[in-house]
Amino acid sequence: IGDGEWGPLAGSGSCATVPADTVQPGPPPSPAVLRAGFPHGDFGNAARAAALLAAGGEVAVLKISLGGFDTHRGQPAAHAALLEQLGGGLAALRQALVELGRWDSTLIMTYS
């Protein structure tokens, strides 16, 4: 969900890039996903989209991305803002997955 960079998933079979703002809840939207309080911004939108897809139960692997860490100036402030987005999005995603009963079967990893 997000950019087209596949990272460690490259060449892993049938994959599709989905812009986060195009993922719509199925009927009816899961209350857990709606209550989770996803932060505003690209990563929050991608995390919410991941939770909506997880609520359907038919997607085995999701990759969401947050770019912008490769900085050369103003790195402390830039990284602080990016890490705040990452933390808020992951916390909301966890809350939604717990409420959906999917947390115990979910693996989350990060890479750079």
PDB file of N, CA and C in Angstrom:
ATOM      1  N   ILE A   1       0.872  -1.162   0.000  1.00  0.00           N
ATOM      2  CA  ILE A   1       0.000   0.000   0.000  1.00  0.00           C
ATOM      3  C   ILE A   1       0.911   1.215   0.000  1.00  0.00           C
ATOM      4  N   GLY A   2       0.784   2.045  -1.002  1.00  0.00           N
ATOM      5  CA  GLY A   2       1.632   3.222  -1.097  1.00  0.00           C
ATOM      6  C   GLY A   2       2.478   3.165  -2.336  1.00  0.00           C
ATOM      7  N   ASP A   3       3.800   3.306  -2.165  1.00  0.00           N
ATOM      8  CA  ASP A   3       4.674   3.357  -3.327  1.00  0.00           C
ATOM      9  C   ASP A   3       4.850   1.975  -3.967  1.00  0.00           C
ATOM     10  N   GLY A   4       5.476   1.954  -5.127  1.00  0.00           N
ATOM     11  CA  GLY A   4       5.661   0.714  -5.861  1.00  0.00           C
ATOM     12  C   GLY A   4       6.939  -0.025  -5.529  1.00  0.00           C
ATOM     13  N   GLU A   5       7.685   0.408  -4.534  1.00  0.00           N
ATOM     14  CA  GLU A   5       8.930  -0.234  -4.135  1.00  0.00           C
ATOM     15  C   GLU A   5       8.609  -1.476  -3.303  1.00  0.00           C
ATOM     16  N   TRP A   6       9.015  -2.657  -3.780  1.00  0.00           N
ATOM     17  CA  TRP A   6       8.655  -3.915  -3.120  1.00  0.00           C
ATOM     18  C   TRP A   6       9.657  -4.384  -2.084  1.00  0.00           C
ATOM     19  N   GLY A   7      10.870  -3.860  -2.095  1.00  0.00           N
ATOM     20  CA  GLY A   7      11.862  -4.258  -1.095  1.00  0.00           C
ATOM     21  C   GLY A   7      12.015  -5.762  -1.038  1.00  0.00           C
ATOM     22  N   PRO A   8      11.943  -6.368   0.158  1.00  0.00           N
ATOM     23  CA  PRO A   8      12.157  -7.807   0.289  1.00  0.00           C
ATOM     24  C   PRO A   8      11.060  -8.653  -0.347  1.00  0.00           C
ATOM     25  N   LEU A   9       9.969  -8.047  -0.760  1.00  0.00           N
ATOM     26  CA  LEU A   9       8.887  -8.802  -1.403  1.00  0.00           C
ATOM     27  C   LEU A   9       9.036  -8.858  -2.917  1.00  0.00           C
ATOM     28  N   ALA A  10      10.057  -8.210  -3.461  1.00  0.00           N
ATOM     29  CA  ALA A  10      10.252  -8.179  -4.915  1.00  0.00           C
ATOM     30  C   ALA A  10      10.371  -9.604  -5.461  1.00  0.00           C
ATOM     31  N   GLY A  11       9.668  -9.872  -6.544  1.00  0.00           N
ATOM     32  CA  GLY A  11       9.722 -11.177  -7.192  1.00  0.00           C
ATOM     33  C   GLY A  11       8.990 -12.268  -6.445  1.00  0.00           C
ATOM     34  N   SER A  12       8.080 -11.898  -5.550  1.00  0.00           N
ATOM     35  CA  SER A  12       7.418 -12.900  -4.711  1.00  0.00           C
ATOM     36  C   SER A  12       6.079 -13.385  -5.258  1.00  0.00           C
ATOM     37  N   GLY A  13       5.857 -13.268  -6.539  1.00  0.00           N
ATOM     38  CA  GLY A  13       4.611 -13.789  -7.100  1.00  0.00           C
ATOM     39  C   GLY A  13       3.640 -12.688  -7.441  1.00  0.00           C
ATOM     40  N   SER A  14       2.371 -12.961  -7.201  1.00  0.00           N
ATOM     41  CA  SER A  14       1.338 -11.994  -7.590  1.00  0.00           C
ATOM     42  C   SER A  14       1.242 -10.885  -6.552  1.00  0.00           C
ATOM     43  N   CYS A  15       1.665  -9.701  -6.946  1.00  0.00           N
ATOM     44  CA  CYS A  15       1.655  -8.531  -6.073  1.00  0.00           C
ATOM     45  C   CYS A  15       0.997  -7.383  -6.818  1.00  0.00           C
ATOM     46  N   ALA A  16       0.448  -6.458  -6.079  1.00  0.00           N
ATOM     47  CA  ALA A  16      -0.165  -5.283  -6.682  1.00  0.00           C
ATOM     48  C   ALA A  16       0.116  -4.079  -5.803  1.00  0.00           C
ATOM     49  N   THR A  17       0.343  -2.933  -6.413  1.00  0.00           N
ATOM     50  CA  THR A  17       0.495  -1.686  -5.680  1.00  0.00           C
ATOM     51  C   THR A  17      -0.866  -1.011  -5.629  1.00  0.00           C
ATOM     52  N   VAL A  18      -1.250  -0.618  -4.422  1.00  0.00           N
ATOM     53  CA  VAL A  18      -2.555   0.005  -4.221  1.00  0.00           C
ATOM     54  C   VAL A  18      -2.352   1.334  -3.513  1.00  0.00           C
ATOM     55  N   PRO A  19      -2.741   2.457  -4.122  1.00  0.00           N
ATOM     56  CA  PRO A  19      -2.675   3.727  -3.398  1.00  0.00           C
ATOM     57  C   PRO A  19      -3.595   3.674  -2.170  1.00  0.00           C
ATOM     58  N   ALA A  20      -3.097   4.127  -1.032  1.00  0.00           N
ATOM     59  CA  ALA A  20      -3.849   4.027   0.220  1.00  0.00           C
ATOM     60  C   ALA A  20      -5.225   4.679   0.128  1.00  0.00           C
ATOM     61  N   ASP A  21      -5.329   5.769  -0.619  1.00  0.00           N
ATOM     62  CA  ASP A  21      -6.614   6.476  -0.669  1.00  0.00           C
ATOM     63  C   ASP A  21      -7.654   5.787  -1.554  1.00  0.00           C
ATOM     64  N   THR A  22      -7.276   4.685  -2.201  1.00  0.00           N
ATOM     65  CA  THR A  22      -8.254   3.966  -3.025  1.00  0.00           C
ATOM     66  C   THR A  22      -8.860   2.775  -2.310  1.00  0.00           C
ATOM     67  N   VAL A  23      -8.339   2.411  -1.139  1.00  0.00           N
ATOM     68  CA  VAL A  23      -8.880   1.270  -0.394  1.00  0.00           C
ATOM     69  C   VAL A  23     -10.135   1.720   0.338  1.00  0.00           C
ATOM     70  N   GLN A  24     -11.230   1.106  -0.013  1.00  0.00           N
ATOM     71  CA  GLN A  24     -12.510   1.444   0.590  1.00  0.00           C
ATOM     72  C   GLN A  24     -12.993   0.279   1.447  1.00  0.00           C
ATOM     73  N   PRO A  25     -13.644   0.573   2.564  1.00  0.00           N
ATOM     74  CA  PRO A  25     -14.144  -0.510   3.393  1.00  0.00           C
ATOM     75  C   PRO A  25     -15.232  -1.285   2.667  1.00  0.00           C
ATOM     76  N   GLY A  26     -15.247  -2.584   2.882  1.00  0.00           N
ATOM     77  CA  GLY A  26     -16.331  -3.399   2.345  1.00  0.00           C
ATOM     78  C   GLY A  26     -17.568  -3.181   3.183  1.00  0.00           C
ATOM     79  N   PRO A  27     -18.673  -3.686   2.756  1.00  0.00           N
ATOM     80  CA  PRO A  27     -19.908  -3.467   3.512  1.00  0.00           C
ATOM     81  C   PRO A  27     -20.018  -4.452   4.664  1.00  0.00           C
ATOM     82  N   PRO A  28     -20.274  -4.073   5.851  1.00  0.00           N
ATOM     83  CA  PRO A  28     -20.092  -2.733   6.413  1.00  0.00           C
ATOM     84  C   PRO A  28     -18.652  -2.562   6.878  1.00  0.00           C
ATOM     85  N   PRO A  29     -18.176  -1.333   7.040  1.00  0.00           N
ATOM     86  CA  PRO A  29     -16.818  -1.151   7.525  1.00  0.00           C
ATOM     87  C   PRO A  29     -16.687  -1.692   8.944  1.00  0.00           C
ATOM     88  N   SER A  30     -15.544  -2.278   9.219  1.00  0.00           N
ATOM     89  CA  SER A  30     -15.323  -2.851  10.540  1.00  0.00           C
ATOM     90  C   SER A  30     -15.283  -1.754  11.594  1.00  0.00           C
ATOM     91  N   PRO A  31     -16.052  -1.911  12.667  1.00  0.00           N
ATOM     92  CA  PRO A  31     -16.002  -0.918  13.746  1.00  0.00           C
ATOM     93  C   PRO A  31     -14.605  -0.794  14.340  1.00  0.00           C
ATOM     94  N   ALA A  32     -13.846  -1.901  14.400  1.00  0.00           N
ATOM     95  CA  ALA A  32     -12.493  -1.850  14.963  1.00  0.00           C
ATOM     96  C   ALA A  32     -11.614  -0.904  14.161  1.00  0.00           C
ATOM     97  N   VAL A  33     -11.700  -0.971  12.852  1.00  0.00           N
ATOM     98  CA  VAL A  33     -10.880  -0.121  12.002  1.00  0.00           C
ATOM     99  C   VAL A  33     -11.293   1.337  12.166  1.00  0.00           C
ATOM    100  N   LEU A  34     -12.564   1.574  12.314  1.00  0.00           N
ATOM    101  CA  LEU A  34     -13.042   2.947  12.439  1.00  0.00           C
ATOM    102  C   LEU A  34     -12.714   3.545  13.807  1.00  0.00           C
ATOM    103  N   ARG A  35     -12.606   2.719  14.851  1.00  0.00           N
ATOM    104  CA  ARG A  35     -12.322   3.220  16.195  1.00  0.00           C
ATOM    105  C   ARG A  35     -10.839   3.415  16.458  1.00  0.00           C
ATOM    106  N   ALA A  36      -9.982   2.830  15.647  1.00  0.00           N
ATOM    107  CA  ALA A  36      -8.561   2.773  15.974  1.00  0.00           C
ATOM    108  C   ALA A  36      -7.874   4.132  16.035  1.00  0.00           C
ATOM    109  N   GLY A  37      -8.418   5.158  15.450  1.00  0.00           N
ATOM    110  CA  GLY A  37      -7.813   6.489  15.531  1.00  0.00           C
ATOM    111  C   GLY A  37      -6.513   6.615  14.766  1.00  0.00           C
ATOM    112  N   PHE A  38      -6.537   6.269  13.490  1.00  0.00           N
ATOM    113  CA  PHE A  38      -5.336   6.348  12.669  1.00  0.00           C
ATOM    114  C   PHE A  38      -4.938   7.803  12.487  1.00  0.00           C
ATOM    115  N   PRO A  39      -3.630   8.084  12.576  1.00  0.00           N
ATOM    116  CA  PRO A  39      -3.174   9.467  12.405  1.00  0.00           C
ATOM    117  C   PRO A  39      -3.353   9.939  10.972  1.00  0.00           C
ATOM    118  N   HIS A  40      -3.442  11.241  10.816  1.00  0.00           N
ATOM    119  CA  HIS A  40      -3.539  11.838   9.491  1.00  0.00           C
ATOM    120  C   HIS A  40      -2.197  11.710   8.787  1.00  0.00           C
ATOM    121  N   GLY A  41      -2.214  11.719   7.488  1.00  0.00           N
ATOM    122  CA  GLY A  41      -0.984  11.640   6.706  1.00  0.00           C
ATOM    123  C   GLY A  41      -0.924  10.349   5.918  1.00  0.00           C
ATOM    124  N   ASP A  42       0.081  10.281   5.062  1.00  0.00           N
ATOM    125  CA  ASP A  42       0.210   9.141   4.160  1.00  0.00           C
ATOM    126  C   ASP A  42       0.359   7.808   4.893  1.00  0.00           C
ATOM    127  N   PHE A  43       1.205   7.765   5.930  1.00  0.00           N
ATOM    128  CA  PHE A  43       1.416   6.488   6.613  1.00  0.00           C
ATOM    129  C   PHE A  43       0.191   6.086   7.424  1.00  0.00           C
ATOM    130  N   GLY A  44      -0.467   7.047   8.061  1.00  0.00           N
ATOM    131  CA  GLY A  44      -1.703   6.744   8.788  1.00  0.00           C
ATOM    132  C   GLY A  44      -2.779   6.218   7.852  1.00  0.00           C
ATOM    133  N   ASN A  45      -2.882   6.824   6.663  1.00  0.00           N
ATOM    134  CA  ASN A  45      -3.846   6.346   5.664  1.00  0.00           C
ATOM    135  C   ASN A  45      -3.497   4.936   5.194  1.00  0.00           C
ATOM    136  N   ALA A  46      -2.209   4.672   4.989  1.00  0.00           N
ATOM    137  CA  ALA A  46      -1.783   3.345   4.549  1.00  0.00           C
ATOM    138  C   ALA A  46      -2.040   2.303   5.640  1.00  0.00           C
ATOM    139  N   ALA A  47      -1.785   2.655   6.899  1.00  0.00           N
ATOM    140  CA  ALA A  47      -2.041   1.724   7.999  1.00  0.00           C
ATOM    141  C   ALA A  47      -3.529   1.434   8.127  1.00  0.00           C
ATOM    142  N   ARG A  48      -4.370   2.450   7.948  1.00  0.00           N
ATOM    143  CA  ARG A  48      -5.824   2.249   7.996  1.00  0.00           C
ATOM    144  C   ARG A  48      -6.268   1.355   6.834  1.00  0.00           C
ATOM    145  N   ALA A  49      -5.701   1.578   5.654  1.00  0.00           N
ATOM    146  CA  ALA A  49      -6.031   0.741   4.501  1.00  0.00           C
ATOM    147  C   ALA A  49      -5.614  -0.702   4.758  1.00  0.00           C
ATOM    148  N   ALA A  50      -4.445  -0.910   5.381  1.00  0.00           N
ATOM    149  CA  ALA A  50      -3.996  -2.261   5.712  1.00  0.00           C
ATOM    150  C   ALA A  50      -4.974  -2.929   6.669  1.00  0.00           C
ATOM    151  N   ALA A  51      -5.463  -2.184   7.655  1.00  0.00           N
ATOM    152  CA  ALA A  51      -6.424  -2.750   8.606  1.00  0.00           C
ATOM    153  C   ALA A  51      -7.740  -3.097   7.915  1.00  0.00           C
ATOM    154  N   LEU A  52      -8.180  -2.250   6.985  1.00  0.00           N
ATOM    155  CA  LEU A  52      -9.412  -2.550   6.243  1.00  0.00           C
ATOM    156  C   LEU A  52      -9.249  -3.827   5.421  1.00  0.00           C
ATOM    157  N   LEU A  53      -8.081  -3.992   4.786  1.00  0.00           N
ATOM    158  CA  LEU A  53      -7.844  -5.205   4.010  1.00  0.00           C
ATOM    159  C   LEU A  53      -7.725  -6.416   4.929  1.00  0.00           C
ATOM    160  N   ALA A  54      -7.083  -6.255   6.086  1.00  0.00           N
ATOM    161  CA  ALA A  54      -6.956  -7.357   7.039  1.00  0.00           C
ATOM    162  C   ALA A  54      -8.318  -7.772   7.588  1.00  0.00           C
ATOM    163  N   ALA A  55      -9.226  -6.814   7.712  1.00  0.00           N
ATOM    164  CA  ALA A  55     -10.561  -7.123   8.213  1.00  0.00           C
ATOM    165  C   ALA A  55     -11.287  -8.082   7.285  1.00  0.00           C
ATOM    166  N   GLY A  56     -10.988  -8.020   5.988  1.00  0.00           N
ATOM    167  CA  GLY A  56     -11.601  -8.934   5.031  1.00  0.00           C
ATOM    168  C   GLY A  56     -11.034 -10.338   5.112  1.00  0.00           C
ATOM    169  N   GLY A  57      -9.820 -10.470   5.635  1.00  0.00           N
ATOM    170  CA  GLY A  57      -9.221 -11.774   5.865  1.00  0.00           C
ATOM    171  C   GLY A  57      -8.702 -12.512   4.655  1.00  0.00           C
ATOM    172  N   GLU A  58      -8.652 -11.888   3.483  1.00  0.00           N
ATOM    173  CA  GLU A  58      -8.246 -12.614   2.284  1.00  0.00           C
ATOM    174  C   GLU A  58      -6.866 -12.227   1.769  1.00  0.00           C
ATOM    175  N   VAL A  59      -6.177 -11.325   2.446  1.00  0.00           N
ATOM    176  CA  VAL A  59      -4.856 -10.894   2.018  1.00  0.00           C
ATOM    177  C   VAL A  59      -3.828 -11.492   2.975  1.00  0.00           C
ATOM    178  N   ALA A  60      -2.846 -12.216   2.418  1.00  0.00           N
ATOM    179  CA  ALA A  60      -1.855 -12.896   3.257  1.00  0.00           C
ATOM    180  C   ALA A  60      -0.723 -11.974   3.704  1.00  0.00           C
ATOM    181  N   VAL A  61      -0.270 -11.070   2.822  1.00  0.00           N
ATOM    182  CA  VAL A  61       0.868 -10.206   3.123  1.00  0.00           C
ATOM    183  C   VAL A  61       0.556  -8.796   2.652  1.00  0.00           C
ATOM    184  N   LEU A  62       0.832  -7.840   3.517  1.00  0.00           N
ATOM    185  CA  LEU A  62       0.679  -6.429   3.168  1.00  0.00           C
ATOM    186  C   LEU A  62       1.987  -5.720   3.457  1.00  0.00           C
ATOM    187  N   LYS A  63       2.374  -4.818   2.581  1.00  0.00           N
ATOM    188  CA  LYS A  63       3.546  -3.974   2.806  1.00  0.00           C
ATOM    189  C   LYS A  63       3.080  -2.527   2.715  1.00  0.00           C
ATOM    190  N   ILE A  64       3.330  -1.794   3.764  1.00  0.00           N
ATOM    191  CA  ILE A  64       3.046  -0.363   3.711  1.00  0.00           C
ATOM    192  C   ILE A  64       4.381   0.366   3.854  1.00  0.00           C
ATOM    193  N   SER A  65       4.478   1.526   3.250  1.00  0.00           N
ATOM    194  CA  SER A  65       5.772   2.201   3.210  1.00  0.00           C
ATOM    195  C   SER A  65       5.684   3.620   3.752  1.00  0.00           C
ATOM    196  N   LEU A  66       6.816   4.046   4.283  1.00  0.00           N
ATOM    197  CA  LEU A  66       6.990   5.414   4.753  1.00  0.00           C
ATOM    198  C   LEU A  66       8.368   5.856   4.301  1.00  0.00           C
ATOM    199  N   GLY A  67       8.412   6.725   3.321  1.00  0.00           N
ATOM    200  CA  GLY A  67       9.684   7.190   2.785  1.00  0.00           C
ATOM    201  C   GLY A  67      10.153   8.460   3.455  1.00  0.00           C
ATOM    202  N   GLY A  68      11.322   8.930   3.053  1.00  0.00           N
ATOM    203  CA  GLY A  68      11.835  10.206   3.520  1.00  0.00           C
ATOM    204  C   GLY A  68      12.931  10.118   4.560  1.00  0.00           C
ATOM    205  N   PHE A  69      13.369   8.915   4.914  1.00  0.00           N
ATOM    206  CA  PHE A  69      14.400   8.777   5.937  1.00  0.00           C
ATOM    207  C   PHE A  69      15.803   9.089   5.425  1.00  0.00           C
ATOM    208  N   ASP A  70      16.005   9.095   4.123  1.00  0.00           N
ATOM    209  CA  ASP A  70      17.324   9.363   3.555  1.00  0.00           C
ATOM    210  C   ASP A  70      17.524  10.876   3.475  1.00  0.00           C
ATOM    211  N   THR A  71      17.878  11.447   4.602  1.00  0.00           N
ATOM    212  CA  THR A  71      18.039  12.903   4.685  1.00  0.00           C
ATOM    213  C   THR A  71      19.511  13.264   4.788  1.00  0.00           C
ATOM    214  N   HIS A  72      19.821  14.490   4.416  1.00  0.00           N
ATOM    215  CA  HIS A  72      21.195  14.961   4.499  1.00  0.00           C
ATOM    216  C   HIS A  72      21.289  16.264   5.280  1.00  0.00           C
ATOM    217  N   ARG A  73      20.155  16.907   5.489  1.00  0.00           N
ATOM    218  CA  ARG A  73      20.118  18.142   6.272  1.00  0.00           C
ATOM    219  C   ARG A  73      18.899  18.093   7.174  1.00  0.00           C
ATOM    220  N   GLY A  74      19.010  18.684   8.339  1.00  0.00           N
ATOM    221  CA  GLY A  74      17.881  18.740   9.252  1.00  0.00           C
ATOM    222  C   GLY A  74      17.406  17.362   9.688  1.00  0.00           C
ATOM    223  N   GLN A  75      18.343  16.436   9.740  1.00  0.00           N
ATOM    224  CA  GLN A  75      17.977  15.044  10.003  1.00  0.00           C
ATOM    225  C   GLN A  75      17.264  14.833  11.343  1.00  0.00           C
ATOM    226  N   PRO A  76      17.714  15.416  12.453  1.00  0.00           N
ATOM    227  CA  PRO A  76      17.018  15.151  13.720  1.00  0.00           C
ATOM    228  C   PRO A  76      15.534  15.520  13.687  1.00  0.00           C
ATOM    229  N   ALA A  77      15.206  16.670  13.151  1.00  0.00           N
ATOM    230  CA  ALA A  77      13.801  17.086  13.093  1.00  0.00           C
ATOM    231  C   ALA A  77      13.008  16.235  12.109  1.00  0.00           C
ATOM    232  N   ALA A  78      13.616  15.956  10.946  1.00  0.00           N
ATOM    233  CA  ALA A  78      12.927  15.140   9.931  1.00  0.00           C
ATOM    234  C   ALA A  78      12.660  13.735  10.455  1.00  0.00           C
ATOM    235  N   HIS A  79      13.660  13.138  11.083  1.00  0.00           N
ATOM    236  CA  HIS A  79      13.480  11.779  11.596  1.00  0.00           C
ATOM    237  C   HIS A  79      12.489  11.743  12.751  1.00  0.00           C
ATOM    238  N   ALA A  80      12.495  12.762  13.587  1.00  0.00           N
ATOM    239  CA  ALA A  80      11.534  12.807  14.686  1.00  0.00           C
ATOM    240  C   ALA A  80      10.106  12.811  14.148  1.00  0.00           C
ATOM    241  N   ALA A  81       9.849  13.601  13.121  1.00  0.00           N
ATOM    242  CA  ALA A  81       8.506  13.653  12.525  1.00  0.00           C
ATOM    243  C   ALA A  81       8.143  12.326  11.863  1.00  0.00           C
ATOM    244  N   LEU A  82       9.092  11.719  11.158  1.00  0.00           N
ATOM    245  CA  LEU A  82       8.827  10.434  10.510  1.00  0.00           C
ATOM    246  C   LEU A  82       8.581   9.332  11.534  1.00  0.00           C
ATOM    247  N   LEU A  83       9.365   9.314  12.595  1.00  0.00           N
ATOM    248  CA  LEU A  83       9.182   8.292  13.628  1.00  0.00           C
ATOM    249  C   LEU A  83       7.862   8.480  14.374  1.00  0.00           C
ATOM    250  N   GLU A  84       7.412   9.720  14.496  1.00  0.00           N
ATOM    251  CA  GLU A  84       6.099   9.972  15.100  1.00  0.00           C
ATOM    252  C   GLU A  84       4.993   9.394  14.208  1.00  0.00           C
ATOM    253  N   GLN A  85       5.109   9.596  12.886  1.00  0.00           N
ATOM    254  CA  GLN A  85       4.140   9.004  11.958  1.00  0.00           C
ATOM    255  C   GLN A  85       4.159   7.476  12.040  1.00  0.00           C
ATOM    256  N   LEU A  86       5.355   6.913  12.049  1.00  0.00           N
ATOM    257  CA  LEU A  86       5.500   5.465  12.110  1.00  0.00           C
ATOM    258  C   LEU A  86       4.898   4.908  13.397  1.00  0.00           C
ATOM    259  N   GLY A  87       5.249   5.509  14.517  1.00  0.00           N
ATOM    260  CA  GLY A  87       4.732   5.033  15.806  1.00  0.00           C
ATOM    261  C   GLY A  87       3.225   5.146  15.916  1.00  0.00           C
ATOM    262  N   GLY A  88       2.684   6.286  15.501  1.00  0.00           N
ATOM    263  CA  GLY A  88       1.229   6.471  15.574  1.00  0.00           C
ATOM    264  C   GLY A  88       0.478   5.528  14.657  1.00  0.00           C
ATOM    265  N   GLY A  89       0.996   5.339  13.446  1.00  0.00           N
ATOM    266  CA  GLY A  89       0.350   4.429  12.505  1.00  0.00           C
ATOM    267  C   GLY A  89       0.396   2.991  12.965  1.00  0.00           C
ATOM    268  N   LEU A  90       1.557   2.557  13.488  1.00  0.00           N
ATOM    269  CA  LEU A  90       1.675   1.181  13.965  1.00  0.00           C
ATOM    270  C   LEU A  90       0.835   0.939  15.211  1.00  0.00           C
ATOM    271  N   ALA A  91       0.760   1.917  16.098  1.00  0.00           N
ATOM    272  CA  ALA A  91      -0.066   1.766  17.296  1.00  0.00           C
ATOM    273  C   ALA A  91      -1.548   1.627  16.925  1.00  0.00           C
ATOM    274  N   ALA A  92      -2.009   2.438  15.998  1.00  0.00           N
ATOM    275  CA  ALA A  92      -3.407   2.351  15.558  1.00  0.00           C
ATOM    276  C   ALA A  92      -3.670   1.037  14.823  1.00  0.00           C
ATOM    277  N   LEU A  93      -2.708   0.615  13.996  1.00  0.00           N
ATOM    278  CA  LEU A  93      -2.861  -0.661  13.292  1.00  0.00           C
ATOM    279  C   LEU A  93      -2.940  -1.809  14.293  1.00  0.00           C
ATOM    280  N   ARG A  94      -2.085  -1.787  15.302  1.00  0.00           N
ATOM    281  CA  ARG A  94      -2.140  -2.827  16.327  1.00  0.00           C
ATOM    282  C   ARG A  94      -3.498  -2.840  17.019  1.00  0.00           C
ATOM    283  N   GLN A  95      -3.994  -1.676  17.406  1.00  0.00           N
ATOM    284  CA  GLN A  95      -5.288  -1.597  18.083  1.00  0.00           C
ATOM    285  C   GLN A  95      -6.382  -2.208  17.208  1.00  0.00           C
ATOM    286  N   ALA A  96      -6.393  -1.857  15.936  1.00  0.00           N
ATOM    287  CA  ALA A  96      -7.412  -2.397  15.024  1.00  0.00           C
ATOM    288  C   ALA A  96      -7.273  -3.911  14.886  1.00  0.00           C
ATOM    289  N   LEU A  97      -6.040  -4.403  14.748  1.00  0.00           N
ATOM    290  CA  LEU A  97      -5.837  -5.848  14.589  1.00  0.00           C
ATOM    291  C   LEU A  97      -6.212  -6.614  15.850  1.00  0.00           C
ATOM    292  N   VAL A  98      -5.960  -6.034  17.019  1.00  0.00           N
ATOM    293  CA  VAL A  98      -6.394  -6.666  18.277  1.00  0.00           C
ATOM    294  C   VAL A  98      -7.911  -6.784  18.291  1.00  0.00           C
ATOM    295  N   GLU A  99      -8.595  -5.699  17.955  1.00  0.00           N
ATOM    296  CA  GLU A  99     -10.060  -5.698  17.971  1.00  0.00           C
ATOM    297  C   GLU A  99     -10.646  -6.624  16.918  1.00  0.00           C
ATOM    298  N   LEU A 100      -9.914  -6.826  15.813  1.00  0.00           N
ATOM    299  CA  LEU A 100     -10.375  -7.740  14.761  1.00  0.00           C
ATOM    300  C   LEU A 100     -10.028  -9.199  15.066  1.00  0.00           C
ATOM    301  N   GLY A 101      -9.271  -9.433  16.129  1.00  0.00           N
ATOM    302  CA  GLY A 101      -8.831 -10.781  16.462  1.00  0.00           C
ATOM    303  C   GLY A 101      -7.730 -11.283  15.541  1.00  0.00           C
ATOM    304  N   ARG A 102      -6.999 -10.386  14.895  1.00  0.00           N
ATOM    305  CA  ARG A 102      -5.954 -10.753  13.934  1.00  0.00           C
ATOM    306  C   ARG A 102      -4.540 -10.506  14.462  1.00  0.00           C
ATOM    307  N   TRP A 103      -4.413  -9.855  15.621  1.00  0.00           N
ATOM    308  CA  TRP A 103      -3.097  -9.475  16.118  1.00  0.00           C
ATOM    309  C   TRP A 103      -2.206 -10.688  16.383  1.00  0.00           C
ATOM    310  N   ASP A 104      -2.745 -11.743  16.984  1.00  0.00           N
ATOM    311  CA  ASP A 104      -1.927 -12.910  17.332  1.00  0.00           C
ATOM    312  C   ASP A 104      -1.419 -13.666  16.116  1.00  0.00           C
ATOM    313  N   SER A 105      -1.974 -13.400  14.950  1.00  0.00           N
ATOM    314  CA  SER A 105      -1.518 -14.080  13.734  1.00  0.00           C
ATOM    315  C   SER A 105      -0.840 -13.110  12.768  1.00  0.00           C
ATOM    316  N   THR A 106      -0.370 -11.992  13.305  1.00  0.00           N
ATOM    317  CA  THR A 106       0.245 -10.948  12.476  1.00  0.00           C
ATOM    318  C   THR A 106       1.717 -10.784  12.833  1.00  0.00           C
ATOM    319  N   LEU A 107       2.544 -10.676  11.814  1.00  0.00           N
ATOM    320  CA  LEU A 107       3.954 -10.361  11.974  1.00  0.00           C
ATOM    321  C   LEU A 107       4.180  -8.984  11.368  1.00  0.00           C
ATOM    322  N   ILE A 108       4.789  -8.101  12.123  1.00  0.00           N
ATOM    323  CA  ILE A 108       5.137  -6.774  11.621  1.00  0.00           C
ATOM    324  C   ILE A 108       6.652  -6.652  11.664  1.00  0.00           C
ATOM    325  N   MET A 109       7.233  -6.209  10.566  1.00  0.00           N
ATOM    326  CA  MET A 109       8.671  -5.975  10.533  1.00  0.00           C
ATOM    327  C   MET A 109       8.955  -4.662   9.836  1.00  0.00           C
ATOM    328  N   THR A 110      10.098  -4.101  10.144  1.00  0.00           N
ATOM    329  CA  THR A 110      10.532  -2.892   9.458  1.00  0.00           C
ATOM    330  C   THR A 110      11.884  -3.171   8.810  1.00  0.00           C
ATOM    331  N   TYR A 111      12.173  -2.436   7.772  1.00  0.00           N
ATOM    332  CA  TYR A 111      13.472  -2.535   7.124  1.00  0.00           C
ATOM    333  C   TYR A 111      13.810  -1.197   6.510  1.00  0.00           C
ATOM    334  N   SER A 112      15.055  -1.012   6.241  1.00  0.00           N
ATOM    335  CA  SER A 112      15.519   0.218   5.629  1.00  0.00           C
ATOM    336  C   SER A 112      16.362  -0.108   4.423  1.00  0.00           C
TER     337      SER A 112
END
